[in-house]
């Protein structure tokens, strides 16, 4: 996969995933909403780890400043 996420984007997604996890752990979010948000948080965390967002690829976007060579 080609990297298309910059550092700021990755940090933002990890922070959102952590916030969702803490809200779930504290019992602030529950039920169906909690499950949906945990899935979104997991996707954010996964895309941050691999530095690639499938939605960005579809749109042809990139927040990554470093260009990869082929």
PDB file of N, CA and C in Angstrom:
ATOM      1  N   UNK A   1       0.831  -1.182   0.000  1.00  0.00           N
ATOM      2  CA  UNK A   1       0.000   0.000   0.000  1.00  0.00           C
ATOM      3  C   UNK A   1       0.877   1.246   0.000  1.00  0.00           C
ATOM      4  N   UNK A   2       0.440   2.231  -0.721  1.00  0.00           N
ATOM      5  CA  UNK A   2       1.170   3.482  -0.811  1.00  0.00           C
ATOM      6  C   UNK A   2       0.772   4.390   0.352  1.00  0.00           C
ATOM      7  N   UNK A   3       1.753   5.000   1.001  1.00  0.00           N
ATOM      8  CA  UNK A   3       1.480   5.904   2.108  1.00  0.00           C
ATOM      9  C   UNK A   3       0.812   7.165   1.582  1.00  0.00           C
ATOM     10  N   UNK A   4      -0.290   7.564   2.222  1.00  0.00           N
ATOM     11  CA  UNK A   4      -0.968   8.785   1.805  1.00  0.00           C
ATOM     12  C   UNK A   4      -1.457   9.606   3.008  1.00  0.00           C
ATOM     13  N   UNK A   5      -0.896   9.339   4.184  1.00  0.00           N
ATOM     14  CA  UNK A   5      -1.271  10.083   5.380  1.00  0.00           C
ATOM     15  C   UNK A   5      -0.046  10.748   6.002  1.00  0.00           C
ATOM     16  N   UNK A   6      -0.186  12.022   6.306  1.00  0.00           N
ATOM     17  CA  UNK A   6       0.878  12.760   6.960  1.00  0.00           C
ATOM     18  C   UNK A   6       0.862  12.543   8.463  1.00  0.00           C
ATOM     19  N   UNK A   7       1.867  13.059   9.135  1.00  0.00           N
ATOM     20  CA  UNK A   7       2.009  12.879  10.587  1.00  0.00           C
ATOM     21  C   UNK A   7       0.850  13.487  11.369  1.00  0.00           C
ATOM     22  N   UNK A   8       0.449  14.686  11.012  1.00  0.00           N
ATOM     23  CA  UNK A   8      -0.646  15.346  11.732  1.00  0.00           C
ATOM     24  C   UNK A   8      -1.937  14.546  11.603  1.00  0.00           C
ATOM     25  N   UNK A   9      -2.215  14.045  10.426  1.00  0.00           N
ATOM     26  CA  UNK A   9      -3.407  13.234  10.184  1.00  0.00           C
ATOM     27  C   UNK A   9      -3.375  11.956  11.013  1.00  0.00           C
ATOM     28  N   UNK A  10      -2.222  11.311  11.068  1.00  0.00           N
ATOM     29  CA  UNK A  10      -2.070  10.068  11.837  1.00  0.00           C
ATOM     30  C   UNK A  10      -2.258  10.327  13.329  1.00  0.00           C
ATOM     31  N   UNK A  11      -1.655  11.391  13.850  1.00  0.00           N
ATOM     32  CA  UNK A  11      -1.771  11.731  15.269  1.00  0.00           C
ATOM     33  C   UNK A  11      -3.219  12.041  15.624  1.00  0.00           C
ATOM     34  N   UNK A  12      -3.900  12.796  14.773  1.00  0.00           N
ATOM     35  CA  UNK A  12      -5.300  13.149  14.996  1.00  0.00           C
ATOM     36  C   UNK A  12      -6.165  11.888  15.081  1.00  0.00           C
ATOM     37  N   UNK A  13      -5.947  10.941  14.180  1.00  0.00           N
ATOM     38  CA  UNK A  13      -6.732   9.700  14.172  1.00  0.00           C
ATOM     39  C   UNK A  13      -6.462   8.844  15.405  1.00  0.00           C
ATOM     40  N   UNK A  14      -5.213   8.795  15.852  1.00  0.00           N
ATOM     41  CA  UNK A  14      -4.883   8.025  17.060  1.00  0.00           C
ATOM     42  C   UNK A  14      -5.544   8.672  18.278  1.00  0.00           C
ATOM     43  N   UNK A  15      -5.518   9.993  18.363  1.00  0.00           N
ATOM     44  CA  UNK A  15      -6.155  10.684  19.482  1.00  0.00           C
ATOM     45  C   UNK A  15      -7.660  10.425  19.512  1.00  0.00           C
ATOM     46  N   UNK A  16      -8.306  10.455  18.359  1.00  0.00           N
ATOM     47  CA  UNK A  16      -9.744  10.173  18.289  1.00  0.00           C
ATOM     48  C   UNK A  16     -10.016   8.746  18.766  1.00  0.00           C
ATOM     49  N   UNK A  17      -9.195   7.781  18.331  1.00  0.00           N
ATOM     50  CA  UNK A  17      -9.367   6.388  18.741  1.00  0.00           C
ATOM     51  C   UNK A  17      -9.193   6.243  20.259  1.00  0.00           C
ATOM     52  N   UNK A  18      -8.230   6.942  20.834  1.00  0.00           N
ATOM     53  CA  UNK A  18      -8.006   6.886  22.284  1.00  0.00           C
ATOM     54  C   UNK A  18      -9.186   7.490  23.033  1.00  0.00           C
ATOM     55  N   UNK A  19      -9.694   8.607  22.543  1.00  0.00           N
ATOM     56  CA  UNK A  19     -10.843   9.254  23.188  1.00  0.00           C
ATOM     57  C   UNK A  19     -12.056   8.322  23.173  1.00  0.00           C
ATOM     58  N   UNK A  20     -12.309   7.667  22.044  1.00  0.00           N
ATOM     59  CA  UNK A  20     -13.431   6.731  21.950  1.00  0.00           C
ATOM     60  C   UNK A  20     -13.241   5.579  22.940  1.00  0.00           C
ATOM     61  N   UNK A  21     -12.027   5.043  23.013  1.00  0.00           N
ATOM     62  CA  UNK A  21     -11.755   3.939  23.929  1.00  0.00           C
ATOM     63  C   UNK A  21     -11.969   4.358  25.384  1.00  0.00           C
ATOM     64  N   UNK A  22     -11.525   5.540  25.751  1.00  0.00           N
ATOM     65  CA  UNK A  22     -11.691   6.028  27.128  1.00  0.00           C
ATOM     66  C   UNK A  22     -13.172   6.251  27.445  1.00  0.00           C
ATOM     67  N   UNK A  23     -13.906   6.829  26.500  1.00  0.00           N
ATOM     68  CA  UNK A  23     -15.339   7.037  26.723  1.00  0.00           C
ATOM     69  C   UNK A  23     -16.070   5.711  26.920  1.00  0.00           C
ATOM     70  N   UNK A  24     -15.675   4.692  26.168  1.00  0.00           N
ATOM     71  CA  UNK A  24     -16.274   3.365  26.328  1.00  0.00           C
ATOM     72  C   UNK A  24     -15.885   2.756  27.673  1.00  0.00           C
ATOM     73  N   UNK A  25     -14.614   2.851  28.019  1.00  0.00           N
ATOM     74  CA  UNK A  25     -14.111   2.286  29.265  1.00  0.00           C
ATOM     75  C   UNK A  25     -14.776   2.936  30.483  1.00  0.00           C
ATOM     76  N   UNK A  26     -15.032   4.238  30.397  1.00  0.00           N
ATOM     77  CA  UNK A  26     -15.675   4.960  31.493  1.00  0.00           C
ATOM     78  C   UNK A  26     -17.185   4.724  31.540  1.00  0.00           C
ATOM     79  N   UNK A  27     -17.735   4.077  30.523  1.00  0.00           N
ATOM     80  CA  UNK A  27     -19.176   3.809  30.488  1.00  0.00           C
ATOM     81  C   UNK A  27     -20.007   4.983  30.021  1.00  0.00           C
ATOM     82  N   UNK A  28     -19.351   5.973  29.432  1.00  0.00           N
ATOM     83  CA  UNK A  28     -20.071   7.156  28.948  1.00  0.00           C
ATOM     84  C   UNK A  28     -20.836   6.831  27.663  1.00  0.00           C
ATOM     85  N   UNK A  29     -20.244   6.009  26.811  1.00  0.00           N
ATOM     86  CA  UNK A  29     -20.955   5.551  25.623  1.00  0.00           C
ATOM     87  C   UNK A  29     -21.235   4.056  25.780  1.00  0.00           C
ATOM     88  N   UNK A  30     -22.446   3.660  25.430  1.00  0.00           N
ATOM     89  CA  UNK A  30     -22.845   2.263  25.580  1.00  0.00           C
ATOM     90  C   UNK A  30     -23.731   1.850  24.410  1.00  0.00           C
ATOM     91  N   UNK A  31     -24.013   0.583  24.342  1.00  0.00           N
ATOM     92  CA  UNK A  31     -24.951   0.060  23.361  1.00  0.00           C
ATOM     93  C   UNK A  31     -24.435   0.103  21.931  1.00  0.00           C
ATOM     94  N   UNK A  32     -25.365   0.293  21.013  1.00  0.00           N
ATOM     95  CA  UNK A  32     -25.052   0.281  19.584  1.00  0.00           C
ATOM     96  C   UNK A  32     -24.085   1.413  19.222  1.00  0.00           C
ATOM     97  N   UNK A  33     -24.287   2.586  19.800  1.00  0.00           N
ATOM     98  CA  UNK A  33     -23.393   3.716  19.531  1.00  0.00           C
ATOM     99  C   UNK A  33     -21.961   3.370  19.916  1.00  0.00           C
ATOM    100  N   UNK A  34     -21.787   2.705  21.041  1.00  0.00           N
ATOM    101  CA  UNK A  34     -20.445   2.324  21.490  1.00  0.00           C
ATOM    102  C   UNK A  34     -19.795   1.368  20.507  1.00  0.00           C
ATOM    103  N   UNK A  35     -20.557   0.399  20.033  1.00  0.00           N
ATOM    104  CA  UNK A  35     -20.010  -0.572  19.079  1.00  0.00           C
ATOM    105  C   UNK A  35     -19.595   0.120  17.791  1.00  0.00           C
ATOM    106  N   UNK A  36     -20.441   0.980  17.282  1.00  0.00           N
ATOM    107  CA  UNK A  36     -20.134   1.702  16.034  1.00  0.00           C
ATOM    108  C   UNK A  36     -18.895   2.569  16.223  1.00  0.00           C
ATOM    109  N   UNK A  37     -18.823   3.297  17.330  1.00  0.00           N
ATOM    110  CA  UNK A  37     -17.661   4.165  17.572  1.00  0.00           C
ATOM    111  C   UNK A  37     -16.382   3.359  17.797  1.00  0.00           C
ATOM    112  N   UNK A  38     -16.484   2.200  18.441  1.00  0.00           N
ATOM    113  CA  UNK A  38     -15.299   1.359  18.623  1.00  0.00           C
ATOM    114  C   UNK A  38     -14.788   0.833  17.285  1.00  0.00           C
ATOM    115  N   UNK A  39     -15.690   0.491  16.385  1.00  0.00           N
ATOM    116  CA  UNK A  39     -15.274   0.052  15.049  1.00  0.00           C
ATOM    117  C   UNK A  39     -14.596   1.200  14.309  1.00  0.00           C
ATOM    118  N   UNK A  40     -15.183   2.393  14.382  1.00  0.00           N
ATOM    119  CA  UNK A  40     -14.576   3.569  13.739  1.00  0.00           C
ATOM    120  C   UNK A  40     -13.207   3.850  14.349  1.00  0.00           C
ATOM    121  N   UNK A  41     -13.097   3.782  15.662  1.00  0.00           N
ATOM    122  CA  UNK A  41     -11.821   3.995  16.340  1.00  0.00           C
ATOM    123  C   UNK A  41     -10.785   2.961  15.922  1.00  0.00           C
ATOM    124  N   UNK A  42     -11.215   1.710  15.785  1.00  0.00           N
ATOM    125  CA  UNK A  42     -10.309   0.656  15.332  1.00  0.00           C
ATOM    126  C   UNK A  42      -9.811   0.901  13.915  1.00  0.00           C
ATOM    127  N   UNK A  43     -10.710   1.350  13.049  1.00  0.00           N
ATOM    128  CA  UNK A  43     -10.325   1.666  11.668  1.00  0.00           C
ATOM    129  C   UNK A  43      -9.343   2.836  11.660  1.00  0.00           C
ATOM    130  N   UNK A  44      -9.626   3.860  12.462  1.00  0.00           N
ATOM    131  CA  UNK A  44      -8.708   5.005  12.554  1.00  0.00           C
ATOM    132  C   UNK A  44      -7.333   4.556  13.024  1.00  0.00           C
ATOM    133  N   UNK A  45      -7.299   3.700  14.029  1.00  0.00           N
ATOM    134  CA  UNK A  45      -6.024   3.216  14.564  1.00  0.00           C
ATOM    135  C   UNK A  45      -5.266   2.395  13.521  1.00  0.00           C
ATOM    136  N   UNK A  46      -5.966   1.512  12.839  1.00  0.00           N
ATOM    137  CA  UNK A  46      -5.339   0.675  11.815  1.00  0.00           C
ATOM    138  C   UNK A  46      -4.784   1.513  10.661  1.00  0.00           C
ATOM    139  N   UNK A  47      -5.568   2.468  10.186  1.00  0.00           N
ATOM    140  CA  UNK A  47      -5.084   3.294   9.072  1.00  0.00           C
ATOM    141  C   UNK A  47      -3.913   4.171   9.510  1.00  0.00           C
ATOM    142  N   UNK A  48      -3.883   4.570  10.774  1.00  0.00           N
ATOM    143  CA  UNK A  48      -2.748   5.353  11.280  1.00  0.00           C
ATOM    144  C   UNK A  48      -1.483   4.511  11.335  1.00  0.00           C
ATOM    145  N   UNK A  49      -1.623   3.251  11.719  1.00  0.00           N
ATOM    146  CA  UNK A  49      -0.452   2.370  11.816  1.00  0.00           C
ATOM    147  C   UNK A  49       0.154   2.111  10.445  1.00  0.00           C
ATOM    148  N   UNK A  50      -0.688   1.870   9.440  1.00  0.00           N
ATOM    149  CA  UNK A  50      -0.173   1.554   8.101  1.00  0.00           C
ATOM    150  C   UNK A  50       0.055   2.802   7.246  1.00  0.00           C
ATOM    151  N   UNK A  51      -0.322   3.974   7.755  1.00  0.00           N
ATOM    152  CA  UNK A  51      -0.144   5.267   7.066  1.00  0.00           C
ATOM    153  C   UNK A  51      -0.835   5.322   5.713  1.00  0.00           C
ATOM    154  N   UNK A  52      -1.926   4.611   5.579  1.00  0.00           N
ATOM    155  CA  UNK A  52      -2.647   4.602   4.315  1.00  0.00           C
ATOM    156  C   UNK A  52      -4.144   4.563   4.580  1.00  0.00           C
ATOM    157  N   UNK A  53      -4.876   5.454   3.923  1.00  0.00           N
ATOM    158  CA  UNK A  53      -6.322   5.507   4.069  1.00  0.00           C
ATOM    159  C   UNK A  53      -6.963   5.140   2.732  1.00  0.00           C
ATOM    160  N   UNK A  54      -7.774   4.089   2.692  1.00  0.00           N
ATOM    161  CA  UNK A  54      -8.414   3.689   1.443  1.00  0.00           C
ATOM    162  C   UNK A  54      -9.301   4.792   0.849  1.00  0.00           C
ATOM    163  N   UNK A  55      -9.953   5.566   1.695  1.00  0.00           N
ATOM    164  CA  UNK A  55     -10.792   6.666   1.191  1.00  0.00           C
ATOM    165  C   UNK A  55      -9.945   7.724   0.483  1.00  0.00           C
ATOM    166  N   UNK A  56      -8.765   8.005   1.013  1.00  0.00           N
ATOM    167  CA  UNK A  56      -7.868   8.950   0.363  1.00  0.00           C
ATOM    168  C   UNK A  56      -7.432   8.410  -0.997  1.00  0.00           C
ATOM    169  N   UNK A  57      -7.168   7.110  -1.075  1.00  0.00           N
ATOM    170  CA  UNK A  57      -6.748   6.503  -2.334  1.00  0.00           C
ATOM    171  C   UNK A  57      -7.835   6.626  -3.395  1.00  0.00           C
ATOM    172  N   UNK A  58      -9.077   6.386  -2.996  1.00  0.00           N
ATOM    173  CA  UNK A  58     -10.198   6.482  -3.931  1.00  0.00           C
ATOM    174  C   UNK A  58     -10.347   7.902  -4.453  1.00  0.00           C
ATOM    175  N   UNK A  59     -10.196   8.885  -3.562  1.00  0.00           N
ATOM    176  CA  UNK A  59     -10.338  10.287  -3.945  1.00  0.00           C
ATOM    177  C   UNK A  59      -9.079  10.865  -4.593  1.00  0.00           C
ATOM    178  N   UNK A  60      -7.967  10.133  -4.503  1.00  0.00           N
ATOM    179  CA  UNK A  60      -6.706  10.625  -5.048  1.00  0.00           C
ATOM    180  C   UNK A  60      -6.043  11.660  -4.161  1.00  0.00           C
ATOM    181  N   UNK A  61      -6.391  11.667  -2.879  1.00  0.00           N
ATOM    182  CA  UNK A  61      -5.845  12.632  -1.927  1.00  0.00           C
ATOM    183  C   UNK A  61      -4.595  12.093  -1.258  1.00  0.00           C
ATOM    184  N   UNK A  62      -3.815  12.995  -0.692  1.00  0.00           N
ATOM    185  CA  UNK A  62      -2.660  12.610   0.104  1.00  0.00           C
ATOM    186  C   UNK A  62      -2.300  13.753   1.039  1.00  0.00           C
ATOM    187  N   UNK A  63      -2.127  13.442   2.324  1.00  0.00           N
ATOM    188  CA  UNK A  63      -1.656  14.437   3.280  1.00  0.00           C
ATOM    189  C   UNK A  63      -0.194  14.184   3.630  1.00  0.00           C
ATOM    190  N   UNK A  64       0.394  13.191   2.987  1.00  0.00           N
ATOM    191  CA  UNK A  64       1.789  12.841   3.206  1.00  0.00           C
ATOM    192  C   UNK A  64       2.681  13.777   2.392  1.00  0.00           C
ATOM    193  N   UNK A  65       3.654  14.391   3.064  1.00  0.00           N
ATOM    194  CA  UNK A  65       4.542  15.329   2.377  1.00  0.00           C
ATOM    195  C   UNK A  65       5.698  14.639   1.673  1.00  0.00           C
ATOM    196  N   UNK A  66       6.041  13.428   2.095  1.00  0.00           N
ATOM    197  CA  UNK A  66       7.162  12.698   1.507  1.00  0.00           C
ATOM    198  C   UNK A  66       6.643  11.866   0.345  1.00  0.00           C
ATOM    199  N   UNK A  67       7.242  12.040  -0.816  1.00  0.00           N
ATOM    200  CA  UNK A  67       6.848  11.269  -1.986  1.00  0.00           C
ATOM    201  C   UNK A  67       7.651   9.983  -2.032  1.00  0.00           C
ATOM    202  N   UNK A  68       6.943   8.857  -2.294  1.00  0.00           N
ATOM    203  CA  UNK A  68       7.631   7.570  -2.429  1.00  0.00           C
ATOM    204  C   UNK A  68       8.175   7.412  -3.843  1.00  0.00           C
ATOM    205  N   UNK A  69       9.319   6.759  -3.949  1.00  0.00           N
ATOM    206  CA  UNK A  69       9.864   6.455  -5.272  1.00  0.00           C
ATOM    207  C   UNK A  69       9.500   5.027  -5.638  1.00  0.00           C
ATOM    208  N   UNK A  70       9.305   4.802  -6.904  1.00  0.00           N
ATOM    209  CA  UNK A  70       8.899   3.460  -7.354  1.00  0.00           C
ATOM    210  C   UNK A  70      10.073   2.614  -7.676  1.00  0.00           C
TER     211      UNK A  70
END
